[in-house]
C-alpha atoms as a PDB file:
ATOM      1  CA  MET A   1      11.507 180.427  31.939  1.00  0.00           C
ATOM      2  CA  LYS A   2       8.946 178.182  30.312  1.00  0.00           C
ATOM      3  CA  LYS A   3       9.704 174.704  29.721  1.00  0.00           C
ATOM      4  CA  VAL A   4       9.862 173.708  26.030  1.00  0.00           C
ATOM      5  CA  LYS A   5       7.315 170.823  25.260  1.00  0.00           C
ATOM      6  CA  LEU A   6       8.675 167.704  23.885  1.00  0.00           C
ATOM      7  CA  ARG A   7       6.601 167.958  20.871  1.00  0.00           C
ATOM      8  CA  THR A   8       8.018 171.427  20.191  1.00  0.00           C
ATOM      9  CA  LYS A   9      11.644 170.152  20.706  1.00  0.00           C
ATOM     10  CA  ILE A  10      10.633 167.518  18.116  1.00  0.00           C
ATOM     11  CA  ILE A  11       9.265 169.837  15.609  1.00  0.00           C
ATOM     12  CA  ILE A  12      12.395 172.094  15.989  1.00  0.00           C
ATOM     13  CA  ALA A  13      14.682 169.152  15.474  1.00  0.00           C
ATOM     14  CA  ILE A  14      13.014 168.153  12.256  1.00  0.00           C
ATOM     15  CA  ALA A  15      12.861 171.643  10.844  1.00  0.00           C
ATOM     16  CA  LEU A  16      16.579 172.158  11.710  1.00  0.00           C
ATOM     17  CA  LEU A  17      17.413 168.901  10.110  1.00  0.00           C
ATOM     18  CA  LEU A  18      15.444 169.802   6.933  1.00  0.00           C
ATOM     19  CA  ALA A  19      17.155 173.215   7.029  1.00  0.00           C
ATOM     20  CA  ILE A  20      20.617 171.492   6.911  1.00  0.00           C
ATOM     21  CA  ILE A  21      20.033 168.618   4.577  1.00  0.00           C
ATOM     22  CA  VAL A  22      17.757 169.805   1.833  1.00  0.00           C
ATOM     23  CA  PRO A  23      20.470 172.568   0.679  1.00  0.00           C
ATOM     24  CA  LEU A  24      23.075 169.960   0.539  1.00  0.00           C
ATOM     25  CA  ILE A  25      20.963 168.013  -2.040  1.00  0.00           C
ATOM     26  CA  THR A  26      20.338 171.216  -4.200  1.00  0.00           C
ATOM     27  CA  SER A  27      23.867 172.852  -3.558  1.00  0.00           C
ATOM     28  CA  LYS A  28      24.739 172.618  -7.110  1.00  0.00           C
ATOM     29  CA  ASN A  29      21.722 174.776  -8.329  1.00  0.00           C
ATOM     30  CA  ARG A  30      22.447 178.399  -7.752  1.00  0.00           C
ATOM     31  CA  TYR A  31      18.859 179.533  -8.163  1.00  0.00           C
ATOM     32  CA  TYR A  32      17.656 177.280  -5.379  1.00  0.00           C
ATOM     33  CA  MET A  33      20.413 178.260  -2.992  1.00  0.00           C
ATOM     34  CA  ASP A  34      19.617 181.896  -3.585  1.00  0.00           C
ATOM     35  CA  VAL A  35      16.064 181.104  -2.791  1.00  0.00           C
ATOM     36  CA  PHE A  36      17.106 179.294   0.483  1.00  0.00           C
ATOM     37  CA  ILE A  37      19.139 182.159   1.526  1.00  0.00           C
ATOM     38  CA  MET A  38      16.513 184.713   0.816  1.00  0.00           C
ATOM     39  CA  LEU A  39      14.008 182.575   2.879  1.00  0.00           C
ATOM     40  CA  GLY A  40      16.499 182.712   5.728  1.00  0.00           C
ATOM     41  CA  ILE A  41      16.584 186.338   5.682  1.00  0.00           C
ATOM     42  CA  TYR A  42      12.839 186.884   5.415  1.00  0.00           C
ATOM     43  CA  VAL A  43      12.567 184.476   8.606  1.00  0.00           C
ATOM     44  CA  ILE A  44      14.757 187.055  10.438  1.00  0.00           C
ATOM     45  CA  LEU A  45      12.696 189.991   9.208  1.00  0.00           C
ATOM     46  CA  GLY A  46       9.170 188.103   9.764  1.00  0.00           C
ATOM     47  CA  SER A  47      10.218 187.027  13.300  1.00  0.00           C
ATOM     48  CA  ALA A  48      11.407 190.555  14.080  1.00  0.00           C
ATOM     49  CA  MET A  49       8.001 191.908  12.835  1.00  0.00           C
ATOM     50  CA  ASN A  50       6.043 189.245  14.814  1.00  0.00           C
ATOM     51  CA  LEU A  51       7.882 190.405  17.887  1.00  0.00           C
ATOM     52  CA  LEU A  52       6.843 193.931  17.228  1.00  0.00           C
ATOM     53  CA  ILE A  53       3.193 193.589  16.270  1.00  0.00           C
ATOM     54  CA  GLY A  54       2.354 190.115  17.810  1.00  0.00           C
ATOM     55  CA  TYR A  55       3.800 190.824  21.385  1.00  0.00           C
ATOM     56  CA  THR A  56       3.630 194.662  21.758  1.00  0.00           C
ATOM     57  CA  GLY A  57       0.777 195.626  19.537  1.00  0.00           C
ATOM     58  CA  GLN A  58       2.823 198.059  17.463  1.00  0.00           C
ATOM     59  CA  ILE A  59       2.584 198.186  13.660  1.00  0.00           C
ATOM     60  CA  SER A  60       5.385 199.315  11.468  1.00  0.00           C
ATOM     61  CA  LEU A  61       5.757 200.143   7.906  1.00  0.00           C
ATOM     62  CA  GLY A  62       9.317 201.348   8.183  1.00  0.00           C
ATOM     63  CA  MET A  63      11.218 197.933   8.650  1.00  0.00           C
ATOM     64  CA  ALA A  64      12.572 198.267   5.050  1.00  0.00           C
ATOM     65  CA  GLY A  65      14.137 201.372   6.071  1.00  0.00           C
ATOM     66  CA  PHE A  66      16.277 199.693   8.666  1.00  0.00           C
ATOM     67  CA  TYR A  67      16.845 196.880   6.210  1.00  0.00           C
ATOM     68  CA  GLY A  68      18.602 199.299   3.833  1.00  0.00           C
ATOM     69  CA  ILE A  69      20.572 201.025   6.751  1.00  0.00           C
ATOM     70  CA  GLY A  70      21.957 197.680   7.712  1.00  0.00           C
ATOM     71  CA  ALA A  71      22.791 196.900   4.207  1.00  0.00           C
ATOM     72  CA  TYR A  72      24.472 200.289   3.302  1.00  0.00           C
ATOM     73  CA  THR A  73      26.472 200.793   6.498  1.00  0.00           C
ATOM     74  CA  ALA A  74      28.113 197.253   6.219  1.00  0.00           C
ATOM     75  CA  VAL A  75      28.774 197.572   2.480  1.00  0.00           C
ATOM     76  CA  LEU A  76      30.304 201.009   2.865  1.00  0.00           C
ATOM     77  CA  LEU A  77      32.515 199.915   5.780  1.00  0.00           C
ATOM     78  CA  VAL A  78      33.833 196.940   3.949  1.00  0.00           C
ATOM     79  CA  MET A  79      34.268 198.805   0.712  1.00  0.00           C
ATOM     80  CA  LYS A  80      35.390 202.270   1.673  1.00  0.00           C
ATOM     81  CA  ALA A  81      37.008 201.706   5.038  1.00  0.00           C
ATOM     82  CA  ASN A  82      38.371 197.958   4.416  1.00  0.00           C
ATOM     83  CA  VAL A  83      36.560 196.714   7.610  1.00  0.00           C
ATOM     84  CA  PRO A  84      36.161 192.994   7.786  1.00  0.00           C
ATOM     85  CA  PHE A  85      32.733 191.506   7.218  1.00  0.00           C
ATOM     86  CA  LEU A  86      31.982 190.605  10.942  1.00  0.00           C
ATOM     87  CA  PRO A  87      32.808 193.907  12.551  1.00  0.00           C
ATOM     88  CA  ALA A  88      31.023 195.665   9.648  1.00  0.00           C
ATOM     89  CA  LEU A  89      28.012 193.644  10.482  1.00  0.00           C
ATOM     90  CA  ILE A  90      28.284 194.342  14.379  1.00  0.00           C
ATOM     91  CA  CYS A  91      28.668 198.016  13.382  1.00  0.00           C
ATOM     92  CA  ALA A  92      25.434 198.012  11.167  1.00  0.00           C
ATOM     93  CA  VAL A  93      23.642 196.408  13.813  1.00  0.00           C
ATOM     94  CA  ILE A  94      24.442 198.815  16.607  1.00  0.00           C
ATOM     95  CA  LEU A  95      23.746 201.708  14.270  1.00  0.00           C
ATOM     96  CA  CYS A  96      20.342 200.343  13.361  1.00  0.00           C
ATOM     97  CA  PHE A  97      19.615 199.807  17.020  1.00  0.00           C
ATOM     98  CA  VAL A  98      20.760 203.449  18.058  1.00  0.00           C
ATOM     99  CA  ILE A  99      18.628 204.827  15.079  1.00  0.00           C
ATOM    100  CA  GLY A 100      15.689 202.537  15.872  1.00  0.00           C
ATOM    101  CA  TYR A 101      15.623 203.862  19.443  1.00  0.00           C
ATOM    102  CA  PHE A 102      15.637 207.379  18.657  1.00  0.00           C
ATOM    103  CA  LEU A 103      13.251 207.297  15.727  1.00  0.00           C
ATOM    104  CA  GLY A 104      11.003 204.841  17.907  1.00  0.00           C
ATOM    105  CA  PHE A 105       9.760 207.761  19.952  1.00  0.00           C
ATOM    106  CA  PRO A 106       6.657 208.270  17.869  1.00  0.00           C
ATOM    107  CA  SER A 107       5.792 204.625  18.852  1.00  0.00           C
ATOM    108  CA  THR A 108       5.415 205.928  22.522  1.00  0.00           C
ATOM    109  CA  LYS A 109       2.817 208.406  21.620  1.00  0.00           C
ATOM    110  CA  LEU A 110       0.875 206.760  18.627  1.00  0.00           C
ATOM    111  CA  ASN A 111      -1.153 203.685  18.320  1.00  0.00           C
ATOM    112  CA  PHE A 112      -1.399 201.187  15.496  1.00  0.00           C
ATOM    113  CA  ILE A 113      -2.542 202.786  12.394  1.00  0.00           C
ATOM    114  CA  PHE A 114      -1.151 206.116  13.141  1.00  0.00           C
ATOM    115  CA  LEU A 115       2.168 204.508  14.046  1.00  0.00           C
ATOM    116  CA  GLY A 116       2.000 202.458  10.775  1.00  0.00           C
ATOM    117  CA  LEU A 117       1.453 205.656   8.842  1.00  0.00           C
ATOM    118  CA  SER A 118       4.122 207.612  10.753  1.00  0.00           C
ATOM    119  CA  THR A 119       6.849 204.741  10.187  1.00  0.00           C
ATOM    120  CA  ALA A 120       5.719 204.435   6.355  1.00  0.00           C
ATOM    121  CA  GLY A 121       6.729 208.248   6.260  1.00  0.00           C
ATOM    122  CA  LEU A 122       9.987 207.446   8.059  1.00  0.00           C
ATOM    123  CA  ASN A 123      10.725 204.725   5.510  1.00  0.00           C
ATOM    124  CA  THR A 124      10.338 207.023   2.609  1.00  0.00           C
ATOM    125  CA  ILE A 125      12.570 209.596   4.078  1.00  0.00           C
ATOM    126  CA  ILE A 126      15.330 207.020   4.593  1.00  0.00           C
ATOM    127  CA  GLN A 127      14.790 205.958   0.915  1.00  0.00           C
ATOM    128  CA  LEU A 128      15.116 209.507  -0.350  1.00  0.00           C
ATOM    129  CA  ILE A 129      18.396 210.008   1.743  1.00  0.00           C
ATOM    130  CA  ILE A 130      19.879 206.851   0.161  1.00  0.00           C
ATOM    131  CA  THR A 131      18.681 207.831  -3.314  1.00  0.00           C
ATOM    132  CA  ASN A 132      20.014 211.443  -3.101  1.00  0.00           C
ATOM    133  CA  SER A 133      23.341 210.783  -1.366  1.00  0.00           C
ATOM    134  CA  LYS A 134      26.523 210.576  -3.383  1.00  0.00           C
ATOM    135  CA  PHE A 135      28.262 208.147  -0.878  1.00  0.00           C
ATOM    136  CA  THR A 136      25.402 205.699  -1.169  1.00  0.00           C
ATOM    137  CA  GLY A 137      25.810 205.497  -5.076  1.00  0.00           C
ATOM    138  CA  GLY A 138      22.617 207.494  -5.518  1.00  0.00           C
ATOM    139  CA  ALA A 139      19.841 205.930  -7.588  1.00  0.00           C
ATOM    140  CA  SER A 140      22.302 203.647  -9.322  1.00  0.00           C
ATOM    141  CA  GLY A 141      23.249 201.985  -5.863  1.00  0.00           C
ATOM    142  CA  ILE A 142      26.383 200.119  -5.199  1.00  0.00           C
ATOM    143  CA  THR A 143      27.949 197.384  -7.581  1.00  0.00           C
ATOM    144  CA  GLY A 144      30.889 195.067  -7.141  1.00  0.00           C
ATOM    145  CA  ILE A 145      30.245 194.221  -3.326  1.00  0.00           C
ATOM    146  CA  PRO A 146      32.983 191.811  -2.523  1.00  0.00           C
ATOM    147  CA  SER A 147      32.009 188.168  -1.290  1.00  0.00           C
ATOM    148  CA  VAL A 148      32.333 187.166   2.275  1.00  0.00           C
ATOM    149  CA  LYS A 149      35.642 185.496   3.164  1.00  0.00           C
ATOM    150  CA  LEU A 150      36.338 183.044   5.872  1.00  0.00           C
ATOM    151  CA  PHE A 151      40.298 182.264   6.518  1.00  0.00           C
ATOM    152  CA  GLY A 152      41.033 184.214   3.334  1.00  0.00           C
ATOM    153  CA  GLU A 153      38.643 182.117   0.994  1.00  0.00           C
ATOM    154  CA  PRO A 154      35.428 183.510  -0.466  1.00  0.00           C
ATOM    155  CA  LEU A 155      32.360 181.475   0.876  1.00  0.00           C
ATOM    156  CA  THR A 156      30.570 179.350  -1.541  1.00  0.00           C
ATOM    157  CA  LYS A 157      26.746 179.755  -1.731  1.00  0.00           C
ATOM    158  CA  LEU A 158      26.279 176.712   0.474  1.00  0.00           C
ATOM    159  CA  GLN A 159      28.683 177.991   3.105  1.00  0.00           C
ATOM    160  CA  TYR A 160      26.896 181.435   2.885  1.00  0.00           C
ATOM    161  CA  TYR A 161      23.578 179.762   3.336  1.00  0.00           C
ATOM    162  CA  TYR A 162      24.719 177.981   6.539  1.00  0.00           C
ATOM    163  CA  MET A 163      25.950 181.253   7.671  1.00  0.00           C
ATOM    164  CA  VAL A 164      22.646 182.809   7.279  1.00  0.00           C
ATOM    165  CA  LEU A 165      20.958 179.702   8.949  1.00  0.00           C
ATOM    166  CA  VAL A 166      23.299 180.370  12.083  1.00  0.00           C
ATOM    167  CA  PHE A 167      22.083 184.111  12.250  1.00  0.00           C
ATOM    168  CA  VAL A 168      18.430 182.851  11.870  1.00  0.00           C
ATOM    169  CA  LEU A 169      18.757 180.764  14.803  1.00  0.00           C
ATOM    170  CA  ILE A 170      20.516 183.434  16.904  1.00  0.00           C
ATOM    171  CA  VAL A 171      17.490 185.954  16.052  1.00  0.00           C
ATOM    172  CA  LEU A 172      14.960 183.147  16.813  1.00  0.00           C
ATOM    173  CA  PHE A 173      16.770 182.415  20.270  1.00  0.00           C
ATOM    174  CA  ILE A 174      16.706 186.018  21.128  1.00  0.00           C
ATOM    175  CA  CYS A 175      13.075 186.210  20.260  1.00  0.00           C
ATOM    176  CA  TYR A 176      12.331 183.164  22.474  1.00  0.00           C
ATOM    177  CA  ARG A 177      14.265 184.552  25.464  1.00  0.00           C
ATOM    178  CA  ILE A 178      12.558 187.928  25.069  1.00  0.00           C
ATOM    179  CA  VAL A 179       9.245 186.351  24.916  1.00  0.00           C
ATOM    180  CA  ASN A 180       9.728 183.961  27.690  1.00  0.00           C
ATOM    181  CA  SER A 181      10.859 186.309  30.264  1.00  0.00           C
ATOM    182  CA  LYS A 182       9.744 189.317  32.396  1.00  0.00           C
ATOM    183  CA  THR A 183      10.201 191.686  29.487  1.00  0.00           C
ATOM    184  CA  GLY A 184       7.930 189.407  27.382  1.00  0.00           C
ATOM    185  CA  ARG A 185       5.220 189.395  29.950  1.00  0.00           C
ATOM    186  CA  ALA A 186       5.518 193.184  30.210  1.00  0.00           C
ATOM    187  CA  LEU A 187       5.048 193.371  26.411  1.00  0.00           C
ATOM    188  CA  MET A 188       1.987 191.238  26.268  1.00  0.00           C
ATOM    189  CA  ALA A 189       0.464 193.426  29.008  1.00  0.00           C
ATOM    190  CA  ILE A 190       1.346 196.502  26.841  1.00  0.00           C
ATOM    191  CA  ARG A 191      -0.372 194.842  23.923  1.00  0.00           C
ATOM    192  CA  GLY A 192      -3.431 194.042  25.895  1.00  0.00           C
ATOM    193  CA  ASN A 193      -3.993 197.442  27.613  1.00  0.00           C
ATOM    194  CA  PRO A 194      -1.097 200.146  27.770  1.00  0.00           C
ATOM    195  CA  ILE A 195      -3.079 202.114  30.461  1.00  0.00           C
ATOM    196  CA  ALA A 196      -3.504 199.095  32.753  1.00  0.00           C
ATOM    197  CA  ALA A 197       0.007 198.053  32.242  1.00  0.00           C
ATOM    198  CA  SER A 198       1.194 201.699  33.187  1.00  0.00           C
ATOM    199  CA  ALA A 199      -1.079 201.367  36.386  1.00  0.00           C
ATOM    200  CA  VAL A 200       0.683 198.389  37.625  1.00  0.00           C
ATOM    201  CA  GLY A 201       4.261 200.069  37.186  1.00  0.00           C
ATOM    202  CA  ILE A 202       5.283 198.778  33.732  1.00  0.00           C
ATOM    203  CA  ASN A 203       7.222 201.489  32.042  1.00  0.00           C
ATOM    204  CA  VAL A 204       5.321 201.521  28.802  1.00  0.00           C
ATOM    205  CA  ASN A 205       7.431 203.975  26.721  1.00  0.00           C
ATOM    206  CA  ARG A 206      10.788 202.184  27.875  1.00  0.00           C
ATOM    207  CA  TYR A 207       9.506 199.038  26.678  1.00  0.00           C
ATOM    208  CA  LYS A 208       8.128 200.185  23.504  1.00  0.00           C
ATOM    209  CA  LEU A 209      11.243 201.853  22.615  1.00  0.00           C
ATOM    210  CA  LEU A 210      13.412 198.904  23.410  1.00  0.00           C
ATOM    211  CA  VAL A 211      11.489 196.527  21.382  1.00  0.00           C
ATOM    212  CA  PHE A 212      11.444 199.021  18.512  1.00  0.00           C
ATOM    213  CA  ALA A 213      15.282 199.268  18.624  1.00  0.00           C
ATOM    214  CA  ILE A 214      15.825 195.496  18.938  1.00  0.00           C
ATOM    215  CA  VAL A 215      13.629 194.976  15.955  1.00  0.00           C
ATOM    216  CA  SER A 216      15.399 197.604  13.951  1.00  0.00           C
ATOM    217  CA  ALA A 217      18.743 195.794  14.658  1.00  0.00           C
ATOM    218  CA  MET A 218      17.311 192.447  13.588  1.00  0.00           C
ATOM    219  CA  ALA A 219      16.219 194.241  10.296  1.00  0.00           C
ATOM    220  CA  GLY A 220      19.702 195.564  10.021  1.00  0.00           C
ATOM    221  CA  VAL A 221      21.134 191.973  10.313  1.00  0.00           C
ATOM    222  CA  ALA A 222      18.993 190.818   7.424  1.00  0.00           C
ATOM    223  CA  GLY A 223      20.151 193.820   5.477  1.00  0.00           C
ATOM    224  CA  VAL A 224      23.757 192.907   5.744  1.00  0.00           C
ATOM    225  CA  LEU A 225      23.026 189.258   4.639  1.00  0.00           C
ATOM    226  CA  TYR A 226      21.022 190.272   1.699  1.00  0.00           C
ATOM    227  CA  ALA A 227      23.531 192.822   0.505  1.00  0.00           C
ATOM    228  CA  PHE A 228      26.515 190.318   0.655  1.00  0.00           C
ATOM    229  CA  ASN A 229      24.482 187.748  -0.825  1.00  0.00           C
ATOM    230  CA  ILE A 230      23.192 189.752  -3.894  1.00  0.00           C
ATOM    231  CA  ARG A 231      26.251 191.865  -4.015  1.00  0.00           C
ATOM    232  CA  TYR A 232      24.435 194.741  -5.474  1.00  0.00           C
ATOM    233  CA  ILE A 233      22.113 197.067  -3.520  1.00  0.00           C
ATOM    234  CA  GLN A 234      20.012 200.075  -4.595  1.00  0.00           C
ATOM    235  CA  ALA A 235      17.284 202.123  -2.769  1.00  0.00           C
ATOM    236  CA  GLU A 236      14.537 200.459  -4.672  1.00  0.00           C
ATOM    237  CA  ALA A 237      14.959 197.487  -2.962  1.00  0.00           C
ATOM    238  CA  PHE A 238      13.903 199.066   0.613  1.00  0.00           C
ATOM    239  CA  THR A 239      10.811 200.871  -0.375  1.00  0.00           C
ATOM    240  CA  THR A 240       7.412 200.946   1.575  1.00  0.00           C
ATOM    241  CA  ASN A 241       6.306 198.004  -0.629  1.00  0.00           C
ATOM    242  CA  MET A 242       9.146 195.955   1.168  1.00  0.00           C
ATOM    243  CA  SER A 243       7.971 197.210   4.505  1.00  0.00           C
ATOM    244  CA  PHE A 244       4.363 195.894   3.550  1.00  0.00           C
ATOM    245  CA  LYS A 245       5.773 192.443   2.625  1.00  0.00           C
ATOM    246  CA  ILE A 246       7.501 192.112   5.914  1.00  0.00           C
ATOM    247  CA  LEU A 247       4.347 193.366   7.579  1.00  0.00           C
ATOM    248  CA  THR A 248       2.542 190.465   5.796  1.00  0.00           C
ATOM    249  CA  MET A 249       5.017 187.927   7.074  1.00  0.00           C
ATOM    250  CA  GLY A 250       4.451 189.003  10.679  1.00  0.00           C
ATOM    251  CA  ILE A 251       0.723 188.717  10.388  1.00  0.00           C
ATOM    252  CA  ILE A 252      -0.367 185.810   8.265  1.00  0.00           C
ATOM    253  CA  GLY A 253       1.749 183.209  10.108  1.00  0.00           C
ATOM    254  CA  GLY A 254      -0.008 183.985  13.480  1.00  0.00           C
ATOM    255  CA  MET A 255       0.561 187.078  15.673  1.00  0.00           C
ATOM    256  CA  GLY A 256       2.059 186.419  18.989  1.00  0.00           C
ATOM    257  CA  ASP A 257       3.406 182.896  18.152  1.00  0.00           C
ATOM    258  CA  LEU A 258       7.047 182.586  17.332  1.00  0.00           C
ATOM    259  CA  GLY A 259       6.218 179.683  14.964  1.00  0.00           C
ATOM    260  CA  GLY A 260       3.720 181.794  13.216  1.00  0.00           C
ATOM    261  CA  GLY A 261       6.510 184.195  12.417  1.00  0.00           C
ATOM    262  CA  VAL A 262       8.605 181.658  10.841  1.00  0.00           C
ATOM    263  CA  VAL A 263       5.780 179.999   8.920  1.00  0.00           C
ATOM    264  CA  GLY A 264       4.509 183.312   7.654  1.00  0.00           C
ATOM    265  CA  SER A 265       8.049 184.354   6.572  1.00  0.00           C
ATOM    266  CA  LEU A 266       8.428 181.057   4.559  1.00  0.00           C
ATOM    267  CA  VAL A 267       4.887 181.388   2.900  1.00  0.00           C
ATOM    268  CA  ALA A 268       5.141 185.166   1.905  1.00  0.00           C
ATOM    269  CA  GLY A 269       8.811 184.657   1.032  1.00  0.00           C
ATOM    270  CA  ALA A 270       8.250 181.533  -1.169  1.00  0.00           C
ATOM    271  CA  LEU A 271       4.992 182.919  -2.712  1.00  0.00           C
ATOM    272  CA  PRO A 272       6.646 185.257  -5.456  1.00  0.00           C
ATOM    273  CA  GLU A 273       8.684 182.267  -6.700  1.00  0.00           C
ATOM    274  CA  PHE A 274       5.510 180.411  -7.470  1.00  0.00           C
ATOM    275  CA  LEU A 275       3.733 183.463  -8.955  1.00  0.00           C
ATOM    276  CA  ARG A 276       6.606 185.035 -11.138  1.00  0.00           C
ATOM    277  CA  ASP A 277       4.115 185.432 -14.017  1.00  0.00           C
ATOM    278  CA  LEU A 278       2.058 187.678 -11.611  1.00  0.00           C
ATOM    279  CA  SER A 279       4.841 189.961 -10.181  1.00  0.00           C
ATOM    280  CA  LYS A 280       2.944 192.996 -11.199  1.00  0.00           C
ATOM    281  CA  TYR A 281       0.176 192.031  -8.913  1.00  0.00           C
ATOM    282  CA  GLN A 282       2.491 191.114  -5.967  1.00  0.00           C
ATOM    283  CA  MET A 283       1.289 193.770  -3.561  1.00  0.00           C
ATOM    284  CA  THR A 284      -2.493 193.095  -4.422  1.00  0.00           C
ATOM    285  CA  ILE A 285      -1.771 189.286  -3.690  1.00  0.00           C
ATOM    286  CA  TYR A 286      -0.141 190.179  -0.356  1.00  0.00           C
ATOM    287  CA  GLY A 287      -3.115 192.441   0.645  1.00  0.00           C
ATOM    288  CA  LEU A 288      -5.663 189.771  -0.354  1.00  0.00           C
ATOM    289  CA  LEU A 289      -3.587 187.241   1.653  1.00  0.00           C
ATOM    290  CA  ILE A 290      -3.698 189.499   4.583  1.00  0.00           C
ATOM    291  CA  VAL A 291      -7.573 189.797   4.292  1.00  0.00           C
ATOM    292  CA  LEU A 292      -8.252 186.109   3.665  1.00  0.00           C
ATOM    293  CA  VAL A 293      -6.104 185.183   6.606  1.00  0.00           C
ATOM    294  CA  LEU A 294      -7.625 187.584   9.004  1.00  0.00           C
ATOM    295  CA  ARG A 295     -11.016 186.684   7.871  1.00  0.00           C
ATOM    296  CA  PHE A 296     -10.809 182.942   7.880  1.00  0.00           C
ATOM    297  CA  MET A 297      -7.998 182.276  10.071  1.00  0.00           C
ATOM    298  CA  PRO A 298      -7.695 185.270  12.673  1.00  0.00           C
ATOM    299  CA  ARG A 299      -4.955 183.187  14.585  1.00  0.00           C
ATOM    300  CA  GLY A 300      -3.070 182.878  11.533  1.00  0.00           C
ATOM    301  CA  ILE A 301      -1.806 179.712   9.413  1.00  0.00           C
ATOM    302  CA  ILE A 302      -0.111 178.364  12.407  1.00  0.00           C
ATOM    303  CA  TYR A 303      -3.363 177.769  14.266  1.00  0.00           C
ATOM    304  CA  PRO A 304      -4.720 174.974  11.987  1.00  0.00           C
ATOM    305  CA  ILE A 305      -1.227 173.298  12.212  1.00  0.00           C
ATOM    306  CA  HIS A 306      -1.529 173.510  15.982  1.00  0.00           C
ATOM    307  CA  ILE A 307      -4.827 171.810  15.857  1.00  0.00           C
ATOM    308  CA  GLY A 308      -3.721 169.133  13.632  1.00  0.00           C
ATOM    309  CA  LEU A 309      -0.701 168.403  15.922  1.00  0.00           C
ATOM    310  CA  ASP A 310      -2.673 168.319  18.877  1.00  0.00           C
ATOM    311  CA  LYS A 311      -5.030 165.728  17.388  1.00  0.00           C
ATOM    312  CA  LEU A 312      -2.100 163.611  16.135  1.00  0.00           C
ATOM    313  CA  GLU A 313      -0.368 163.719  19.703  1.00  0.00           C
ATOM    314  CA  ALA A 314      -3.893 162.878  21.254  1.00  0.00           C
ATOM    315  CA  LEU A 315      -3.948 159.787  18.909  1.00  0.00           C
ATOM    316  CA  PHE A 316      -0.627 158.666  19.711  1.00  0.00           C
ATOM    317  CA  LYS A 317      -1.350 158.798  23.356  1.00  0.00           C
ATOM    318  CA  LYS A 318      -4.531 156.889  22.888  1.00  0.00           C
ATOM    319  CA  ILE A 319      -2.594 154.255  21.021  1.00  0.00           C
ATOM    320  CA  PHE A 320       0.223 154.203  23.502  1.00  0.00           C
ATOM    321  CA  CYS A 321      -2.198 153.960  26.552  1.00  0.00           C
ATOM    322  CA  LYS A 322      -4.155 151.159  24.715  1.00  0.00           C
ATOM    323  CA  ASN A 323      -0.900 149.113  24.169  1.00  0.00           C
ATOM    324  CA  LYS A 324       0.073 149.881  27.634  1.00  0.00           C
ATOM    325  CA  LYS A 325      -3.175 148.609  29.234  1.00  0.00           C
ATOM    326  CA  SER A 326      -2.826 145.444  27.109  1.00  0.00           C
ATOM    327  CA  ASP A 327       0.605 144.820  28.305  1.00  0.00           C
ATOM    328  CA  ASN A 328      -0.505 145.128  31.838  1.00  0.00           C
ATOM    329  CA  THR A 329      -3.438 142.913  31.316  1.00  0.00           C
ATOM    330  CA  VAL A 330      -1.048 140.193  29.835  1.00  0.00           C
ATOM    331  CA  LYS A 331       1.228 140.457  32.791  1.00  0.00           C
ATOM    332  CA  GLU A 332      -1.766 140.310  35.393  1.00  0.00           C
ATOM    333  CA  ALA A 333      -2.976 137.072  33.475  1.00  0.00           C
END
């Protein structure tokens, strides 16, 4: 396991502190709380996509399908079978993992753009099934989803946000453990050259299926959290356009960088809030964003941030070393 740098620990601590404190200040504003909750959900989706495309070299335009499967499964279990929220969430995650594993077989035979097209078709099939099924509420969707309860009391928006934050941290920890392990090294070898990876004994198909299933399960978690926050779901929320948005999150931050997945999710997630008047052109803006980032920042938005932090760290070290030398000179004198 790779040792975490001190700088990384400090950044994580500051980010976590902001994630805890800022919502406390704006807790009375329902709009801001909904934005923060959705940003947490987007971080889960973006980090999952980053794991898939950044570390395995697989592209998926079907993530929104699993996002929807997770949402509908948990809601139907809670509303139709009276299953408590947490067991319903676990069932939804397991179902997404299993479906993702079996539907991930195309990922073992197809590469990049062809895989993207096949998963886009898969997303459309899932959306059509949801739209044309009576038990999912059809095109009208499901309304009146009950609020999540803790010890018999419904959670406030602030409490729900902190619950989402816990799931965000769990997903990020899982991603970190996968990347910094034998599995992570195998995934990066597969991304680099699947044939060479297979030649040195790596079971390429097995690892591809495993990652596809894990990412599908993460999308399922995000779907459950989305459904019980909005408390109304319909098939239109899980279209290929949503999959493209998730793909944007995984790319623009920095592929193959866990921090990049988080940054990309926050940027792509917050963008619609600043461009509400241009909502008709949202997909155009996302496409343009990907092109601009890949053209001018091929390593993602996170790379200039890393450069800036490196320079800042070097400056601090220079100042510290200079002060230390001055102290030593005074002592010798």
